Protein backbone atom coordinates (compact mmCIF):
# COMPACT_ATOMS: atom_id res chain seq x y z
CA UNK A 1 9.68 17.96 39.47
CA UNK A 2 7.99 21.27 37.92
CA UNK A 3 10.59 24.38 36.58
CA UNK A 4 11.72 26.77 39.17
CA UNK A 5 9.68 29.92 39.16
CA UNK A 6 11.50 32.72 37.77
CA UNK A 7 13.54 34.61 40.14
CA UNK A 8 12.41 33.00 42.98
CA UNK A 9 14.40 30.84 45.76
CA UNK A 10 15.87 27.87 43.41
CA UNK A 11 16.57 29.90 40.79
CA UNK A 12 18.50 32.02 42.54
CA UNK A 13 20.44 29.55 44.54
CA UNK A 14 21.32 27.51 41.51
CA UNK A 15 22.46 31.52 40.30
CA UNK A 16 25.02 31.91 43.12
CA UNK A 17 26.22 28.11 42.87
CA UNK A 18 27.18 28.91 38.95
CA UNK A 19 28.62 32.12 39.56
CA UNK A 20 30.20 30.76 42.69
CA UNK A 21 31.84 27.70 40.12
CA UNK A 22 33.06 30.04 37.87
CA UNK A 23 34.91 32.01 39.99
CA UNK A 24 36.38 29.47 41.91
CA UNK A 25 37.95 27.65 38.92
CA UNK A 26 38.83 30.76 36.91
CA UNK A 27 41.03 31.77 39.79
CA UNK A 28 42.76 28.54 39.74
CA UNK A 29 43.05 28.86 35.87
CA UNK A 30 44.10 32.37 35.86
CA UNK A 31 46.55 31.75 38.59
CA UNK A 32 48.12 29.21 36.51
CA UNK A 33 48.20 31.03 32.98
CA UNK A 34 49.79 33.83 34.58
CA UNK A 35 52.48 31.67 36.21
CA UNK A 36 52.89 28.63 33.86
CA UNK A 37 55.68 30.26 31.53
CA UNK A 38 57.76 31.01 34.44
CA UNK A 39 57.57 27.71 36.49
CA UNK A 40 58.48 25.77 32.91
CA UNK A 41 61.26 27.78 32.77
CA UNK A 42 62.52 27.76 36.53
CA UNK A 43 61.94 24.12 36.54
CA UNK A 44 64.81 23.52 33.47
CA UNK A 45 63.15 23.57 30.74
CA UNK A 46 64.38 25.46 27.46
CA UNK A 47 62.47 27.99 25.53
CA UNK A 48 61.26 25.25 23.17
CA UNK A 49 60.23 22.94 25.42
CA UNK A 50 58.24 25.61 27.33
CA UNK A 51 56.63 26.53 24.49
CA UNK A 52 55.44 22.63 23.75
CA UNK A 53 54.32 22.27 27.22
CA UNK A 54 52.32 25.64 26.78
CA UNK A 55 50.78 24.44 23.67
CA UNK A 56 50.36 20.55 25.50
CA UNK A 57 48.22 22.17 28.41
CA UNK A 58 46.60 24.89 25.37
CA UNK A 59 45.28 21.82 23.16
CA UNK A 60 44.20 19.49 25.61
CA UNK A 61 42.22 22.64 27.22
CA UNK A 62 40.82 24.12 24.53
CA UNK A 63 40.09 20.95 22.09
CA UNK A 64 39.21 17.82 24.45
CA UNK A 65 35.68 18.99 25.14
CA UNK A 66 34.92 18.63 21.27
CA UNK A 67 35.25 14.40 21.27
CA UNK A 68 34.12 14.40 24.63
CA UNK A 69 31.10 16.17 24.38
CA UNK A 70 28.96 12.76 22.82
CA UNK A 71 29.62 11.45 26.33
CA UNK A 72 28.96 14.08 28.44
CA UNK A 73 25.97 14.83 27.05
CA UNK A 74 24.70 11.25 28.50
CA UNK A 75 26.07 12.40 32.07
CA UNK A 76 24.25 14.70 34.89
CA UNK A 77 26.20 17.68 34.23
CA UNK A 78 27.35 17.95 38.30
CA UNK A 79 28.90 14.72 37.52
CA UNK A 80 30.58 15.77 34.48
CA UNK A 81 31.95 19.00 36.67
CA UNK A 82 33.17 16.90 39.68
CA UNK A 83 35.24 15.01 37.01
CA UNK A 84 36.53 17.38 35.35
CA UNK A 85 37.64 18.96 38.57
CA UNK A 86 39.26 16.47 40.46
CA UNK A 87 41.27 15.07 37.22
CA UNK A 88 42.65 18.85 36.75
CA UNK A 89 43.21 18.92 40.52
CA UNK A 90 45.26 15.22 39.79
CA UNK A 91 47.28 16.98 36.86
CA UNK A 92 48.55 20.01 38.99
CA UNK A 93 49.61 17.88 41.97
CA UNK A 94 51.26 15.61 39.23
CA UNK A 95 52.86 19.12 38.06
CA UNK A 96 55.03 19.21 41.65
CA UNK A 97 56.48 15.36 41.21
CA UNK A 98 56.79 15.33 37.34
CA UNK A 99 60.45 14.90 36.01
CA UNK A 100 61.27 15.37 32.53
CA UNK A 101 59.80 16.77 29.23
CA UNK A 102 57.29 13.73 28.62
CA UNK A 103 56.31 13.19 32.46
CA UNK A 104 55.43 17.40 32.51
CA UNK A 105 53.84 17.01 29.08
CA UNK A 106 51.52 14.22 30.31
CA UNK A 107 50.81 16.07 33.64
CA UNK A 108 49.92 19.11 31.69
CA UNK A 109 47.42 17.15 29.53
CA UNK A 110 45.88 15.39 32.30
CA UNK A 111 45.20 18.55 33.58
CA UNK A 112 44.11 20.47 30.46
CA UNK A 113 41.75 17.42 30.02
CA UNK A 114 40.20 18.12 33.31
CA UNK A 115 39.87 21.60 32.62
CA UNK A 116 38.20 21.18 29.68
CA UNK A 117 35.78 18.70 30.81
CA UNK A 118 34.51 21.00 33.71
CA UNK A 119 34.39 24.19 31.03
CA UNK A 120 31.85 22.20 29.27
CA UNK A 121 30.16 21.00 32.37
CA UNK A 122 29.77 24.24 33.87
CA UNK A 123 27.95 25.64 30.89
CA UNK A 124 25.67 23.02 31.07
CA UNK A 125 24.71 24.14 34.70
CA UNK A 126 24.83 27.76 33.64
CA UNK A 127 22.55 27.08 30.64
CA UNK A 128 19.91 25.57 33.08
CA UNK A 129 20.48 27.96 36.01
CA UNK A 130 19.85 30.46 33.02
CA UNK A 131 16.22 28.72 31.95
CA UNK A 132 15.58 28.31 36.17
CA UNK A 133 16.28 31.95 36.42
CA UNK A 134 14.07 33.40 33.22
CA UNK A 135 16.95 36.05 32.80
CA UNK A 136 19.75 34.13 30.82
CA UNK A 137 21.27 37.39 29.78
CA UNK A 138 21.70 38.07 33.55
CA UNK A 139 22.80 34.75 34.83
CA UNK A 140 25.97 35.01 31.72
CA UNK A 141 26.64 39.13 32.69
CA UNK A 142 27.23 37.83 36.36
CA UNK A 143 29.23 34.50 34.56
CA UNK A 144 31.20 37.27 32.75
CA UNK A 145 31.71 39.18 35.93
CA UNK A 146 33.11 36.15 37.85
CA UNK A 147 35.82 35.43 35.23
CA UNK A 148 37.23 38.76 35.39
CA UNK A 149 37.32 39.36 39.42
CA UNK A 150 38.75 36.11 39.30
CA UNK A 151 41.45 37.29 36.19
CA UNK A 152 41.77 40.39 38.53
CA UNK A 153 42.43 38.66 41.72
CA UNK A 154 44.31 35.63 40.73
CA UNK A 155 46.99 36.73 38.58
CA UNK A 156 48.99 39.44 40.76
CA UNK A 157 48.64 36.81 43.72
CA UNK A 158 50.18 33.78 41.65
CA UNK A 159 52.72 36.26 40.71
CA UNK A 160 53.36 37.00 43.97
CA UNK A 161 54.18 33.88 44.96
CA UNK A 162 56.44 32.71 41.67
CA UNK A 163 58.46 36.14 42.56
CA UNK A 164 59.37 34.57 46.09
CA UNK A 165 59.92 31.12 44.53
CA UNK A 166 57.06 29.59 45.89
CA UNK A 167 55.97 27.63 42.46
CA UNK A 168 55.18 24.76 43.94
CA UNK A 169 52.36 26.68 46.54
CA UNK A 170 50.86 27.92 43.23
CA UNK A 171 50.20 24.26 41.90
CA UNK A 172 48.95 23.19 45.42
CA UNK A 173 46.33 25.99 45.62
CA UNK A 174 45.40 25.56 42.10
CA UNK A 175 44.68 22.29 42.45
CA UNK A 176 43.13 22.62 46.23
CA UNK A 177 40.73 25.42 44.58
CA UNK A 178 39.78 22.68 41.46
CA UNK A 179 39.07 19.68 44.26
CA UNK A 180 37.08 22.52 46.29
CA UNK A 181 34.54 24.11 43.67
CA UNK A 182 34.27 20.54 42.05
CA UNK A 183 33.17 19.29 45.32
CA UNK A 184 30.73 22.28 46.55
CA UNK A 185 28.97 22.66 43.28
CA UNK A 186 28.41 19.08 42.70
CA UNK A 187 26.50 18.69 46.31
CA UNK A 188 24.98 22.44 45.87
CA UNK A 189 23.50 21.81 41.98
CA UNK A 190 22.54 18.13 42.81
CA UNK A 191 20.45 18.92 45.82
CA UNK A 192 18.96 22.15 44.52
CA UNK A 193 18.21 20.65 40.64
CA UNK A 194 17.80 16.57 41.75
CA UNK A 195 16.43 16.24 37.90
CA UNK A 196 18.51 16.56 34.62
CA UNK A 197 16.51 16.93 31.19
CA UNK A 198 17.19 14.26 28.34
CA UNK A 199 19.97 14.69 26.17
CA UNK A 200 20.31 13.42 22.14
CA UNK A 201 22.90 10.37 22.20
CA UNK A 202 24.37 9.62 18.84
CA UNK A 203 27.98 9.67 17.18
CA UNK A 204 29.99 13.03 17.72
CA UNK A 205 29.76 13.96 14.26
CA UNK A 206 26.51 12.85 13.54
CA UNK A 207 25.11 15.42 16.84
CA UNK A 208 27.72 18.46 15.92
CA UNK A 209 26.05 18.08 11.85
CA UNK A 210 22.88 17.94 13.18
CA UNK A 211 22.91 21.00 15.24
CA UNK A 212 25.08 23.00 12.98
CA UNK A 213 21.73 22.41 10.35
CA UNK A 214 19.20 23.81 13.01
CA UNK A 215 17.59 26.68 11.84
CA UNK A 216 19.59 30.02 12.07
CA UNK A 217 22.87 28.23 13.96
CA UNK A 218 24.99 28.45 10.52
CA UNK A 219 23.83 32.31 10.54
CA UNK A 220 24.77 32.14 14.56
CA UNK A 221 28.44 30.72 14.02
CA UNK A 222 29.51 33.04 11.37
CA UNK A 223 28.35 36.00 13.83
CA UNK A 224 30.07 34.53 16.29
CA UNK A 225 33.09 33.90 14.08
CA UNK A 226 33.40 37.55 13.50
CA UNK A 227 32.90 38.79 17.26
CA UNK A 228 35.18 37.14 18.39
CA UNK A 229 38.11 38.10 15.47
CA UNK A 230 37.47 41.33 16.84
CA UNK A 231 37.66 40.67 20.36
CA UNK A 232 41.50 39.25 19.59
CA UNK A 233 43.03 42.48 18.49
CA UNK A 234 42.79 43.18 22.32
CA UNK A 235 45.72 41.10 23.38
CA UNK A 236 47.54 40.79 20.26
CA UNK A 237 47.03 43.70 17.95
CA UNK A 238 47.08 46.25 21.00
CA UNK A 239 49.68 45.20 22.43
CA UNK A 240 51.99 45.61 19.39
CA UNK A 241 50.95 49.11 19.48
CA UNK A 242 50.45 50.37 22.62
CA UNK A 243 53.86 48.27 23.55
CA UNK A 244 55.71 50.46 20.38
CA UNK A 245 54.64 53.78 21.99
CA UNK A 246 56.44 55.60 24.76
CA UNK A 247 54.05 53.70 27.63
CA UNK A 248 55.78 50.80 26.27
CA UNK A 249 57.55 50.05 29.63
CA UNK A 250 53.96 49.96 31.61
CA UNK A 251 51.27 51.00 29.48
CA UNK A 252 49.69 47.10 28.78
CA UNK A 253 49.07 46.47 32.24
CA UNK A 254 46.44 49.32 33.67
CA UNK A 255 45.05 48.49 30.22
CA UNK A 256 43.82 45.27 31.01
CA UNK A 257 43.22 46.12 34.04
CA UNK A 258 40.60 48.55 33.20
CA UNK A 259 39.07 46.28 31.01
CA UNK A 260 38.42 43.75 33.65
CA UNK A 261 37.34 46.05 36.15
CA UNK A 262 35.09 48.38 33.58
CA UNK A 263 33.35 44.53 33.50
CA UNK A 264 33.10 43.58 36.83
CA UNK A 265 32.12 47.39 37.53
CA UNK A 266 29.55 47.77 34.78
CA UNK A 267 28.44 44.55 33.17
CA UNK A 268 25.14 44.11 34.43
CA UNK A 269 24.15 47.68 34.08
CA UNK A 270 25.24 47.32 30.09
CA UNK A 271 23.28 44.21 30.19
CA UNK A 272 20.06 45.58 31.22
CA UNK A 273 20.61 48.86 29.37
CA UNK A 274 21.01 46.84 26.29
CA UNK A 275 18.26 44.76 26.40
CA UNK A 276 15.92 47.75 27.17
CA UNK A 277 17.20 49.97 24.20
CA UNK A 278 17.21 46.44 22.16
CA UNK A 279 13.74 45.85 22.71
CA UNK A 280 15.35 42.44 24.28
CA UNK A 281 16.07 41.66 20.52
CA UNK A 282 19.34 39.90 21.25
CA UNK A 283 20.54 40.45 17.20
CA UNK A 284 19.82 44.01 17.77
CA UNK A 285 22.48 43.97 20.53
CA UNK A 286 24.90 41.86 18.23
CA UNK A 287 24.55 44.74 16.08
CA UNK A 288 25.37 46.97 18.51
CA UNK A 289 28.07 45.72 20.06
CA UNK A 290 29.82 45.30 16.47
CA UNK A 291 28.78 49.29 15.85
CA UNK A 292 30.77 49.57 19.24
CA UNK A 293 33.84 47.49 18.04
CA UNK A 294 33.87 49.61 14.84
CA UNK A 295 33.91 52.70 17.33
CA UNK A 296 36.61 52.13 19.68
CA UNK A 297 38.93 50.47 16.32
CA UNK A 298 38.41 53.68 14.81
CA UNK A 299 39.06 55.67 18.28
CA UNK A 300 42.90 53.80 18.74
CA UNK A 301 43.39 55.44 14.78
CA UNK A 302 41.77 59.22 15.26
CA UNK A 303 43.46 59.82 18.97
CA UNK A 304 46.99 59.09 18.74
CA UNK A 305 49.15 57.68 21.71
CA UNK A 306 48.37 56.28 25.15
CA UNK A 307 44.88 58.41 25.58
CA UNK A 308 43.30 56.92 22.08
CA UNK A 309 44.57 53.34 23.51
CA UNK A 310 42.64 54.47 26.55
CA UNK A 311 39.44 55.39 25.27
CA UNK A 312 39.79 52.80 22.37
CA UNK A 313 39.91 50.21 25.49
CA UNK A 314 36.87 51.36 27.29
CA UNK A 315 34.31 51.40 23.92
CA UNK A 316 35.67 47.92 23.00
CA UNK A 317 34.97 46.64 26.72
CA UNK A 318 31.44 47.82 26.51
CA UNK A 319 31.03 46.50 23.03
CA UNK A 320 32.48 43.33 24.50
CA UNK A 321 29.72 43.49 27.82
CA UNK A 322 27.51 43.15 25.25
CA UNK A 323 28.54 41.01 23.30
CA UNK A 324 29.97 38.01 25.16
CA UNK A 325 26.01 37.31 27.20
CA UNK A 326 24.32 37.82 23.66
CA UNK A 327 26.45 35.02 21.84
CA UNK A 328 25.19 32.42 24.82
CA UNK A 329 21.62 33.83 24.82
CA UNK A 330 21.31 33.30 21.32
CA UNK A 331 22.63 29.81 21.31
CA UNK A 332 20.51 28.47 23.89
CA UNK A 333 17.52 30.27 22.05
CA UNK A 334 18.26 28.23 18.83
CA UNK A 335 19.77 24.93 20.76
CA UNK A 336 16.85 24.77 23.13
CA UNK A 337 17.14 21.68 25.63
CA UNK A 338 18.49 18.88 23.42
CA UNK A 339 22.46 18.13 22.97
CA UNK A 340 23.49 21.15 25.11
CA UNK A 341 27.10 19.31 25.45
CA UNK A 342 27.84 18.99 21.62
CA UNK A 343 26.13 22.59 21.17
CA UNK A 344 28.80 24.31 23.13
CA UNK A 345 31.43 21.75 22.45
CA UNK A 346 30.12 23.74 18.62
CA UNK A 347 30.62 26.92 20.08
CA UNK A 348 34.00 26.70 21.62
CA UNK A 349 35.61 25.57 18.04
CA UNK A 350 34.18 29.04 16.50
CA UNK A 351 35.37 30.80 19.58
CA UNK A 352 38.66 29.68 19.54
CA UNK A 353 38.79 29.66 15.67
CA UNK A 354 37.33 33.17 15.43
CA UNK A 355 40.05 34.20 18.09
CA UNK A 356 42.72 32.48 16.50
CA UNK A 357 42.40 34.04 13.16
CA UNK A 358 41.57 37.15 14.22
CA UNK A 359 44.79 37.21 16.64
CA UNK A 360 46.42 36.13 14.09
CA UNK A 361 45.30 38.30 10.87
CA UNK A 362 45.86 41.41 12.99
CA UNK A 363 49.55 40.61 14.30
CA UNK A 364 50.54 39.88 10.78
CA UNK A 365 48.61 42.77 9.19
CA UNK A 366 49.93 45.00 11.84
CA UNK A 367 53.30 43.90 11.44
CA UNK A 368 53.06 44.41 7.92
CA UNK A 369 52.12 47.91 7.84
CA UNK A 370 53.76 49.14 10.77
CA UNK A 371 57.16 47.54 8.97
CA UNK A 372 56.25 50.75 6.32
CA UNK A 373 55.74 53.37 8.84
CA UNK A 374 51.82 52.86 8.79
CA UNK A 375 51.18 50.82 11.44
CA UNK A 376 48.13 53.12 12.98
CA UNK A 377 46.35 52.83 9.87
CA UNK A 378 45.55 48.91 10.39
CA UNK A 379 42.97 50.63 13.51
CA UNK A 380 41.00 51.47 9.97
CA UNK A 381 40.98 48.36 8.42
CA UNK A 382 39.78 47.06 11.92
CA UNK A 383 37.22 49.59 12.52
CA UNK A 384 35.97 49.04 8.40
CA UNK A 385 35.82 45.06 9.20
CA UNK A 386 33.81 45.59 12.31
CA UNK A 387 30.97 47.79 10.67
CA UNK A 388 30.90 45.37 7.93
CA UNK A 389 30.27 42.78 10.36
CA UNK A 390 27.44 44.72 12.02
CA UNK A 391 25.93 45.31 8.66
CA UNK A 392 26.28 41.44 7.66
CA UNK A 393 24.57 40.49 11.35
CA UNK A 394 21.87 43.44 10.50
CA UNK A 395 21.39 41.30 7.01
CA UNK A 396 21.42 38.03 8.99
CA UNK A 397 18.79 38.68 11.36
CA UNK A 398 16.29 39.50 8.69
CA UNK A 399 17.26 36.65 6.40
CA UNK A 400 17.97 33.72 9.17
CA UNK A 401 14.56 32.18 9.98
CA UNK A 402 16.07 31.02 13.10
CA UNK A 403 17.19 33.73 13.70
CA UNK A 404 13.73 36.01 13.12
CA UNK A 405 12.13 33.20 15.19
CA UNK A 406 13.80 34.14 18.06
CA UNK A 407 13.00 37.81 18.12
CA UNK A 408 9.22 38.94 19.82
CA UNK A 409 6.44 38.33 18.56
CA UNK A 410 6.07 41.69 17.07
CA UNK A 411 8.82 41.72 15.08
CA UNK A 412 8.04 38.77 13.58
CA UNK A 413 4.91 39.53 12.18
CA UNK A 414 6.42 42.42 10.93
CA UNK A 415 8.82 40.70 9.22
CA UNK A 416 6.11 38.89 7.52
CA UNK A 417 4.05 41.49 6.53
């Protein structure tokens, strides 16, 4: 089949199908995540048991895609989406009838496995839709909007049901949403795109090493990891900072709502502005995002109290809106069309490690400084790290042949000269 014309009817249809899928599945996922701890506690599990069960789900959700990528590369992505969503739904329904720690852990692991498979397959669909639309940055911006809309809508609804002791209704609703999302996306995408690109087949370890050796990939992974280290401060160090101030009682919720609403309202505009100012050079956009992260962190230090946190979150969200779609676009530019499941598996490892390291280091450093009464100084250190990341990214965009190859032709000629 010949490729779709960029912005043609088929390309627009695949974009809508992928965006709808992300909205539906993340509605279910955020509904679950916002109530899981409360529901497990209500089921009679103690604090240590609840922590263990959440860890089981988190590991299955985050890690399962890594060893499975080898097989998912051989399966059409719409089929993987359907299998992942149905597996997750079975796990969520199983939670309603599971009795005891072992059974609950098993059903959570099954649900996490399904969520993980769906997440990886959905990335493959999004990558293919971006190819067909001819505008990857816009596609991944729409995906980011869908995720934030789902987050803003699902958590309050699920918490309302839990507050009225309807824990089972939340699980049933999450399972139903996953079933519907998998079925609708499978039918729509198979109708819209009956063919599929060839994908490489090989052992997982060999495949990951091959991808890591692609020109520019190691530089990209470092850039991406540093970005997620910065992102990890939003829900961790910033939470400690705000909770230690006079707005502790209700200050965090509005900040996170502000973050989500800004993404929903401004993501496409920020993406277009970033592309226009950078001339389509994604590495320049990455440098700009790090600079905004640095400004956000510095603002929290320079403007004390809750107002500084508000302005810092606004600047932070602008950086996030530049950074998140840019990383997907850069990854696909380096990968091409082969082994995208393995590529996104490697990508997810970098995301998870970056956010975990950033969050852990940020919390530890903030608490250490705060114990001596110097907690706000953390934000100067964070700003310095973000600024150094911007400098490093600028250096890599010049020295990495793989990243230079993604630049417009006139930039490559200047680099050679």
